[in-house]
Structures are given as C-alpha cells and as structure tokens.
Amino acid sequence: MVSKLKNFLLTCCLVAAGGVAQAHAAPLQVGYSDWPGWVAWQVAIDKHWFKDAGVDVSFQWFDYSASLDAYASGKLDGILATNGDVLVTGANGRKGVMVLVGDYSDGNDMIVAAPGITSVAELKGKKVGVERGLVEHLLLLVALQKAGLKEDDITLVDTRTNETPQVLASGEVAAIAAWQPNSGQALRQVPGARPVFTSAQVPGLIYDVLAVDPVSLKAHPDEWKRVVSVWKRVVAFVNDPKTQDEALEIMARKVGLKPVAYKKLLAGTHLLTLDDNTKVYEKNDTLQSIYGSTENANLFNVKYGVYKTPQNVDSYIDPAIIKALAH
C-alpha cells in the first residue's frame, strides 16, 4: 500500500503540472490495487452498482507503485492512494484532489519485533529494517517518539518493504516496519515475533483516499459525485453481518486469498462512511482531519527529501462532493 515513491518520480516529472489524461473520453479511469480499503470497490464493480448510479467508470488493477506510475503519466483520471502519496505525485508533476477518504489504517501497518522484544523502548541501540521515506518510516518515528526515543537511538537498515520478512528472519535486525501482507508474513515466518506498535495506535496517521485529476473533476463533477455516492453502498455491504461473507468472498477472490484470511486484513482497515467523511473533512491540525494528517505527511516528505518544496495541502483537498452528499 503506502508510498512506493522514488521509483516513479522521473515519470511524474515528465508530466506537466495539472496535465490530464483525457479531456474527456468516457469512461472515467480509476487505478486501484491490493489494499482492503481499495479492494472493497470490487464489490461495487462485481455487483454493477456504478451502472445503477448512472456513471461510466472503469477500475484498472495494478500493483500499487504501477498505479502511481500510470496516474503520474496521465493514463488515469483518478487514483486510490494514501494521502501522503497524493502529495508526492502532485509535487512531481501530476496533481490529484482528494474527494473521498475511504479508510484509515487500523492495525495493518506494524513495527514487528524479533522474539524476546516486547516494546519499542527495547529497540534502543538496535537495528530496524525500514524502507526510508515511506509511510512505515513515519510510523516508526511516531512509535519511537511515543516510547521516549529519537531516531538516532536506533540504526536504520534500508530494506525494501517486500523484503522485510526475510530480513527479520535472518536476524540482521531486531525489528522491521511493514504493512500487510508483509507484516503478517514476518509474524508467520519468525516464531515468537510480535507487533510492538501498529497503526491502530495512531488512527488517522495513514488515510487512503480517492484522488481525482482537477481538470477531470471540473469537467465531470456530476460523474465523480456519482462514483463517490456508491461508496456509501459499499461500506454498508462490507460492514453488514448479513452480507459481509459475500463481500469477503468478492474481495478475497480478487487478490487470490481465502475469505477467512482476508477477514483478518479487513479487520486492520477502518472503512469510513460518507457521514464519517464529513467529520474527517473538518479542517484542523489533528490526525482526525484529512487536513492535519496530510500536513503531517507533507512535513515528513520534505524532511526526508521525498520532495523539496512544501505543498499547499489545502489545494489537494476538496470537500465539495462530501458536503453535497451529506445528509
């Protein structure tokens, strides 16, 4: 899920700021990938709810980093991404406006420690594997701060997120920072390993959003409103005990897992209703606000050189559709 950043910066730079893929030919093109809050849209796709809503939209499946590449190069009108990554694509050439906050990570992102380590404080003086500049790096910094430690109290070992389970198993590091399914894989591969900090302890640190090219949004406001309106139906279907099993079957089938396994991943993802969105779009500097959370990501991105110039966070957030759909 989060921030597969540096491998697509060059692609972003090749696209003029504000450039748009189409001006527009239907259907709207949205990129999505393997994160429960994004795979949930598969329910609407399989059940033809966009047709019911009267909107022509095509969801295109990618690996996450490839979806960012496709959006950056102008091949998509919208992208399902983390709020921090929306800033990155914008800073490097292709802006996106966040029109819906679909979920926040509620435990799927973890600091997983080797056997015998039971707290973040015990990582002092030890090595931790993390992919620098990604949101797991941010999660690690928050975990250290809450434990009364600084970043230089540990030694960071640059580790690609998909390699973190193997690195933890090798004994090279005392802990790793990773998101599902990598974090879960580390827990399975290393008997006695345990999560010592998760995103459930900092709700709102990592939001997952639908971001839309501003030119497409201006040209097709009603269509995008209809797309967002379907999310209400999706969340209700996924959360309702009467229909959740069917939802899990649809979602699990998309990613090649069994429903029982996917249910655990869904548990670490807090889906947000449209009513929840009205609160998230309230402007303040806390993590409970998309504004405060995104500014936090903005400061992190600049500090760690993901991009040089701080972004105007307000220009990446448009609450108009949420306000229009609020009841």
Protein backbone atom coordinates (compact mmCIF):
# COMPACT_ATOMS: atom_id res chain seq x y z
CA MET A 1 0.00 0.00 0.00
CA VAL A 2 1.76 3.13 1.10
CA SER A 3 4.33 5.32 -0.69
CA LYS A 4 6.12 3.47 -3.46
CA LEU A 5 7.68 6.79 -4.18
CA LYS A 6 11.10 7.07 -5.64
CA ASN A 7 10.70 4.59 -8.46
CA PHE A 8 8.16 6.81 -10.20
CA LEU A 9 9.47 10.33 -9.58
CA LEU A 10 11.03 10.52 -13.04
CA THR A 11 7.73 9.53 -14.61
CA CYS A 12 5.95 12.23 -12.63
CA CYS A 13 8.40 14.87 -13.80
CA LEU A 14 7.62 14.08 -17.42
CA VAL A 15 4.02 15.18 -16.96
CA ALA A 16 3.23 18.88 -16.88
CA ALA A 17 1.62 20.10 -13.69
CA GLY A 18 -2.12 19.91 -13.98
CA GLY A 19 -1.91 17.75 -17.09
CA VAL A 20 -4.85 15.43 -17.70
CA ALA A 21 -5.13 12.08 -19.40
CA GLN A 22 -8.29 12.85 -21.25
CA ALA A 23 -10.40 15.92 -21.59
CA HIS A 24 -12.55 13.55 -21.68
CA ALA A 25 -13.46 10.27 -23.26
CA ALA A 26 -15.73 8.02 -21.22
CA PRO A 27 -15.42 6.00 -19.12
CA LEU A 28 -13.60 7.60 -16.23
CA GLN A 29 -10.45 5.60 -15.46
CA VAL A 30 -9.54 4.84 -11.83
CA GLY A 31 -6.44 2.94 -10.70
CA TYR A 32 -6.70 0.63 -7.68
CA SER A 33 -4.56 -2.01 -6.02
CA ASP A 34 -4.22 -4.52 -3.20
CA TRP A 35 -5.27 -2.77 -0.01
CA PRO A 36 -8.54 -3.77 1.70
CA GLY A 37 -9.98 -0.26 1.57
CA TRP A 38 -9.42 -0.22 -2.19
CA VAL A 39 -10.32 -3.83 -2.91
CA ALA A 40 -13.69 -3.05 -1.27
CA TRP A 41 -14.59 -1.21 -4.50
CA GLN A 42 -14.61 -4.66 -6.16
CA VAL A 43 -17.97 -5.25 -4.53
CA ALA A 44 -19.45 -2.34 -6.47
CA ILE A 45 -17.73 -3.47 -9.66
CA ASP A 46 -18.95 -7.06 -9.45
CA LYS A 47 -22.46 -6.07 -8.45
CA HIS A 48 -22.73 -3.40 -11.19
CA TRP A 49 -23.54 -0.60 -8.76
CA PHE A 50 -21.88 2.07 -10.90
CA LYS A 51 -24.33 1.26 -13.67
CA ASP A 52 -27.13 1.61 -11.12
CA ALA A 53 -25.70 5.02 -10.20
CA GLY A 54 -25.67 6.07 -13.85
CA VAL A 55 -21.92 6.57 -14.19
CA ASP A 56 -19.48 5.05 -16.67
CA VAL A 57 -16.28 4.28 -14.78
CA SER A 58 -13.58 1.68 -15.32
CA PHE A 59 -11.40 0.50 -12.42
CA GLN A 60 -7.95 -0.60 -13.58
CA TRP A 61 -5.99 -3.10 -11.40
CA PHE A 62 -2.30 -2.51 -10.73
CA ASP A 63 0.47 -3.19 -8.29
CA TYR A 64 0.43 -0.08 -6.12
CA SER A 65 3.60 1.54 -7.45
CA ALA A 66 2.48 0.84 -11.02
CA SER A 67 -0.83 2.58 -10.33
CA LEU A 68 1.07 5.67 -9.21
CA ASP A 69 3.17 5.47 -12.38
CA ALA A 70 0.03 5.24 -14.51
CA TYR A 71 -1.57 8.23 -12.79
CA ALA A 72 1.63 10.25 -12.97
CA SER A 73 1.91 9.62 -16.72
CA GLY A 74 -1.66 10.78 -17.38
CA LYS A 75 -3.21 7.38 -18.10
CA LEU A 76 -5.78 7.60 -15.29
CA ASP A 77 -8.33 10.19 -14.20
CA GLY A 78 -8.32 9.08 -10.59
CA ILE A 79 -6.20 7.05 -8.21
CA LEU A 80 -6.73 5.20 -4.94
CA ALA A 81 -3.68 6.07 -2.87
CA THR A 82 -2.51 7.23 0.54
CA ASN A 83 -2.87 10.92 1.27
CA GLY A 84 0.91 11.27 1.50
CA ASP A 85 1.42 9.75 -1.94
CA VAL A 86 -1.09 12.14 -3.47
CA LEU A 87 1.24 14.93 -2.36
CA VAL A 88 4.18 13.17 -3.96
CA THR A 89 2.54 12.81 -7.36
CA GLY A 90 1.50 16.45 -7.18
CA ALA A 91 4.91 17.70 -6.14
CA ASN A 92 6.46 15.88 -9.07
CA GLY A 93 4.06 16.81 -11.84
CA ARG A 94 0.54 15.33 -11.63
CA LYS A 95 -1.78 16.80 -9.05
CA GLY A 96 -4.70 14.98 -7.51
CA VAL A 97 -7.57 16.34 -5.47
CA MET A 98 -8.81 14.16 -2.60
CA VAL A 99 -12.61 13.91 -2.91
CA LEU A 100 -13.19 10.89 -0.63
CA VAL A 101 -11.39 9.37 2.35
CA GLY A 102 -12.16 5.68 2.13
CA ASP A 103 -10.41 4.39 5.24
CA TYR A 104 -7.54 4.72 7.65
CA SER A 105 -5.08 2.00 8.54
CA ASP A 106 -6.21 0.45 11.81
CA GLY A 107 -3.50 -2.08 12.59
CA ASN A 108 -2.31 -3.42 9.23
CA ASP A 109 0.83 -1.24 9.38
CA MET A 110 3.18 -2.57 12.05
CA ILE A 111 6.53 -2.45 13.77
CA VAL A 112 7.26 -6.18 14.12
CA ALA A 113 9.98 -7.12 16.62
CA ALA A 114 12.10 -10.24 16.86
CA PRO A 115 11.43 -12.83 19.60
CA GLY A 116 12.21 -11.58 23.08
CA ILE A 117 11.49 -7.90 22.34
CA THR A 118 8.21 -6.78 23.80
CA SER A 119 8.24 -2.98 23.42
CA VAL A 120 9.51 -0.19 21.20
CA ALA A 121 11.67 1.07 24.08
CA GLU A 122 13.68 -2.16 23.89
CA LEU A 123 14.77 -1.25 20.35
CA LYS A 124 17.19 1.36 21.69
CA GLY A 125 20.66 0.70 20.32
CA LYS A 126 19.36 -1.92 17.88
CA LYS A 127 18.86 -2.16 14.12
CA VAL A 128 15.45 -1.72 12.49
CA GLY A 129 14.70 -2.55 8.86
CA VAL A 130 12.58 0.01 7.04
CA GLU A 131 12.22 1.49 3.57
CA ARG A 132 13.28 5.09 4.16
CA GLY A 133 10.91 7.82 3.10
CA LEU A 134 7.83 5.64 3.04
CA VAL A 135 4.91 5.88 5.43
CA GLU A 136 6.22 2.96 7.51
CA HIS A 137 9.24 5.17 8.23
CA LEU A 138 6.80 7.78 9.51
CA LEU A 139 5.04 5.13 11.61
CA LEU A 140 8.39 4.12 13.11
CA LEU A 141 9.21 7.73 14.03
CA VAL A 142 5.88 8.10 15.80
CA ALA A 143 6.44 4.82 17.65
CA LEU A 144 9.88 5.96 18.80
CA GLN A 145 8.55 9.31 19.94
CA LYS A 146 5.80 7.69 21.98
CA ALA A 147 8.44 5.44 23.60
CA GLY A 148 10.60 8.44 24.51
CA LEU A 149 13.24 7.65 21.88
CA LYS A 150 14.73 9.60 18.96
CA GLU A 151 15.56 8.31 15.51
CA ASP A 152 19.29 8.27 16.29
CA ASP A 153 18.63 5.97 19.24
CA ILE A 154 18.31 3.16 16.69
CA THR A 155 20.14 2.22 13.49
CA LEU A 156 18.01 2.23 10.36
CA VAL A 157 18.73 -0.54 7.88
CA ASP A 158 17.43 0.29 4.40
CA THR A 159 15.11 -2.56 3.50
CA ARG A 160 12.58 -2.85 0.70
CA THR A 161 9.19 -3.43 2.29
CA ASN A 162 8.56 -6.69 0.43
CA GLU A 163 11.89 -8.00 1.77
CA THR A 164 11.28 -7.14 5.43
CA PRO A 165 10.04 -10.64 6.45
CA GLN A 166 13.22 -12.25 5.17
CA VAL A 167 15.44 -9.62 6.79
CA LEU A 168 13.75 -10.11 10.17
CA ALA A 169 14.08 -13.88 9.80
CA SER A 170 17.80 -13.53 9.03
CA GLY A 171 18.48 -11.99 12.44
CA GLU A 172 20.13 -8.97 10.83
CA VAL A 173 17.69 -6.60 12.51
CA ALA A 174 15.77 -6.51 15.77
CA ALA A 175 12.58 -5.27 14.13
CA ILE A 176 11.05 -4.26 10.82
CA ALA A 177 8.40 -1.78 9.75
CA ALA A 178 5.92 -3.09 7.18
CA TRP A 179 2.30 -3.18 6.11
CA GLN A 180 0.09 -6.16 5.32
CA PRO A 181 0.63 -8.64 3.84
CA ASN A 182 4.37 -8.20 4.55
CA SER A 183 3.90 -7.59 8.27
CA GLY A 184 1.74 -10.69 8.59
CA GLN A 185 4.28 -12.71 6.64
CA ALA A 186 7.01 -11.63 9.07
CA LEU A 187 4.90 -12.75 12.00
CA ARG A 188 4.35 -16.15 10.37
CA GLN A 189 7.97 -16.65 9.31
CA VAL A 190 9.54 -15.76 12.65
CA PRO A 191 8.04 -17.75 15.54
CA GLY A 192 7.81 -15.55 18.61
CA ALA A 193 7.89 -12.29 16.66
CA ARG A 194 5.27 -9.79 17.72
CA PRO A 195 3.92 -6.37 16.75
CA VAL A 196 5.19 -3.81 19.27
CA PHE A 197 3.43 -0.87 17.59
CA THR A 198 0.71 -0.63 14.95
CA SER A 199 -1.27 1.99 13.08
CA ALA A 200 -4.22 1.21 15.38
CA GLN A 201 -2.38 3.28 18.00
CA VAL A 202 -2.32 6.36 15.73
CA PRO A 203 -5.64 6.41 13.85
CA GLY A 204 -5.53 8.92 11.02
CA LEU A 205 -1.78 8.80 10.51
CA ILE A 206 -2.36 6.92 7.24
CA TYR A 207 -5.50 7.76 5.25
CA ASP A 208 -6.43 6.06 1.99
CA VAL A 209 -8.22 8.28 -0.47
CA LEU A 210 -9.75 8.68 -3.90
CA ALA A 211 -7.83 11.47 -5.62
CA VAL A 212 -9.01 12.90 -8.93
CA ASP A 213 -7.29 14.95 -11.59
CA PRO A 214 -8.60 18.52 -11.04
CA VAL A 215 -9.26 19.02 -14.76
CA SER A 216 -11.38 15.86 -14.87
CA LEU A 217 -13.16 16.89 -11.67
CA LYS A 218 -14.03 20.28 -13.13
CA ALA A 219 -15.21 18.77 -16.40
CA HIS A 220 -17.21 15.92 -14.84
CA PRO A 221 -18.37 16.95 -11.35
CA ASP A 222 -21.63 15.01 -11.51
CA GLU A 223 -19.95 11.81 -12.66
CA TRP A 224 -17.41 11.94 -9.84
CA LYS A 225 -20.19 12.68 -7.38
CA ARG A 226 -21.96 9.52 -8.56
CA VAL A 227 -18.76 7.48 -8.15
CA VAL A 228 -18.33 8.71 -4.58
CA SER A 229 -22.00 8.09 -3.80
CA VAL A 230 -21.53 4.37 -4.50
CA TRP A 231 -19.05 4.17 -1.60
CA LYS A 232 -21.95 4.51 0.84
CA ARG A 233 -23.41 1.30 -0.54
CA VAL A 234 -20.04 -0.47 -0.50
CA VAL A 235 -19.29 0.27 3.16
CA ALA A 236 -22.78 -0.77 4.23
CA PHE A 237 -22.47 -4.07 2.36
CA VAL A 238 -18.99 -4.85 3.71
CA ASN A 239 -19.88 -3.99 7.30
CA ASP A 240 -23.34 -5.61 7.47
CA PRO A 241 -23.05 -9.06 9.14
CA LYS A 242 -25.74 -10.31 6.76
CA THR A 243 -23.70 -9.51 3.66
CA GLN A 244 -20.11 -9.41 4.89
CA ASP A 245 -19.41 -13.02 3.95
CA GLU A 246 -20.35 -12.29 0.36
CA ALA A 247 -18.24 -9.14 0.40
CA LEU A 248 -15.25 -11.08 1.73
CA GLU A 249 -15.67 -13.71 -0.99
CA ILE A 250 -15.58 -11.00 -3.66
CA MET A 251 -12.60 -9.21 -2.14
CA ALA A 252 -10.61 -12.35 -1.38
CA ARG A 253 -11.18 -13.74 -4.87
CA LYS A 254 -9.74 -10.56 -6.39
CA VAL A 255 -6.41 -10.98 -4.56
CA GLY A 256 -6.22 -14.77 -4.55
CA LEU A 257 -6.82 -15.37 -0.84
CA LYS A 258 -9.38 -17.33 1.13
CA PRO A 259 -12.15 -15.24 2.74
CA VAL A 260 -11.08 -16.30 6.25
CA ALA A 261 -7.60 -14.92 5.60
CA TYR A 262 -8.92 -11.74 4.06
CA LYS A 263 -11.19 -11.08 7.01
CA LYS A 264 -8.07 -10.58 9.17
CA LEU A 265 -6.75 -7.96 6.73
CA LEU A 266 -10.10 -6.20 6.66
CA ALA A 267 -10.04 -6.03 10.47
CA GLY A 268 -6.94 -3.82 10.27
CA THR A 269 -8.65 -1.37 7.92
CA HIS A 270 -11.21 1.10 9.29
CA LEU A 271 -13.64 1.85 6.47
CA LEU A 272 -15.14 5.33 6.63
CA THR A 273 -18.75 6.06 5.74
CA LEU A 274 -19.80 9.24 3.98
CA ASP A 275 -21.02 10.52 7.35
CA ASP A 276 -17.57 9.78 8.78
CA ASN A 277 -16.13 11.78 5.92
CA THR A 278 -17.98 14.92 6.97
CA LYS A 279 -16.01 14.80 10.22
CA VAL A 280 -12.71 13.88 8.56
CA TYR A 281 -13.07 16.87 6.21
CA GLU A 282 -13.38 19.28 9.13
CA LYS A 283 -10.33 21.49 8.95
CA ASN A 284 -7.95 21.24 11.90
CA ASP A 285 -4.36 20.20 12.61
CA THR A 286 -5.11 16.82 14.23
CA LEU A 287 -4.81 13.38 12.68
CA GLN A 288 -8.58 13.08 12.84
CA SER A 289 -8.72 15.61 9.99
CA ILE A 290 -7.56 14.88 6.45
CA TYR A 291 -6.02 18.37 6.54
CA GLY A 292 -3.98 17.74 9.69
CA SER A 293 -2.94 14.24 8.63
CA THR A 294 -1.88 15.39 5.17
CA GLU A 295 0.11 18.31 6.56
CA ASN A 296 1.87 15.83 8.83
CA ALA A 297 2.77 13.73 5.76
CA ASN A 298 3.85 16.91 3.95
CA LEU A 299 6.36 17.81 6.68
CA PHE A 300 7.69 14.25 6.70
CA ASN A 301 8.10 14.18 2.91
CA VAL A 302 10.10 17.40 2.91
CA LYS A 303 12.26 16.41 5.90
CA TYR A 304 13.28 13.14 4.27
CA GLY A 305 13.79 14.55 0.79
CA VAL A 306 10.86 12.88 -0.95
CA TYR A 307 10.32 16.32 -2.47
CA LYS A 308 11.96 19.67 -1.72
CA THR A 309 9.16 22.23 -1.64
CA PRO A 310 6.36 22.00 0.95
CA GLN A 311 2.99 21.57 -0.72
CA ASN A 312 -0.12 23.68 -0.22
CA VAL A 313 -2.18 20.97 1.44
CA ASP A 314 -5.49 22.81 1.06
CA SER A 315 -5.14 22.72 -2.71
CA TYR A 316 -5.09 18.90 -2.61
CA ILE A 317 -8.36 18.57 -0.68
CA ASP A 318 -11.87 19.26 -1.99
CA PRO A 319 -14.77 18.63 0.40
CA ALA A 320 -17.44 19.71 -2.08
CA ILE A 321 -18.71 16.25 -3.06
CA ILE A 322 -18.81 15.05 0.55
CA LYS A 323 -20.75 18.16 1.55
CA ALA A 324 -23.16 17.65 -1.33
CA LEU A 325 -23.80 14.01 -0.34
CA ALA A 326 -24.08 14.64 3.40
CA HIS A 327 -27.49 14.05 4.92
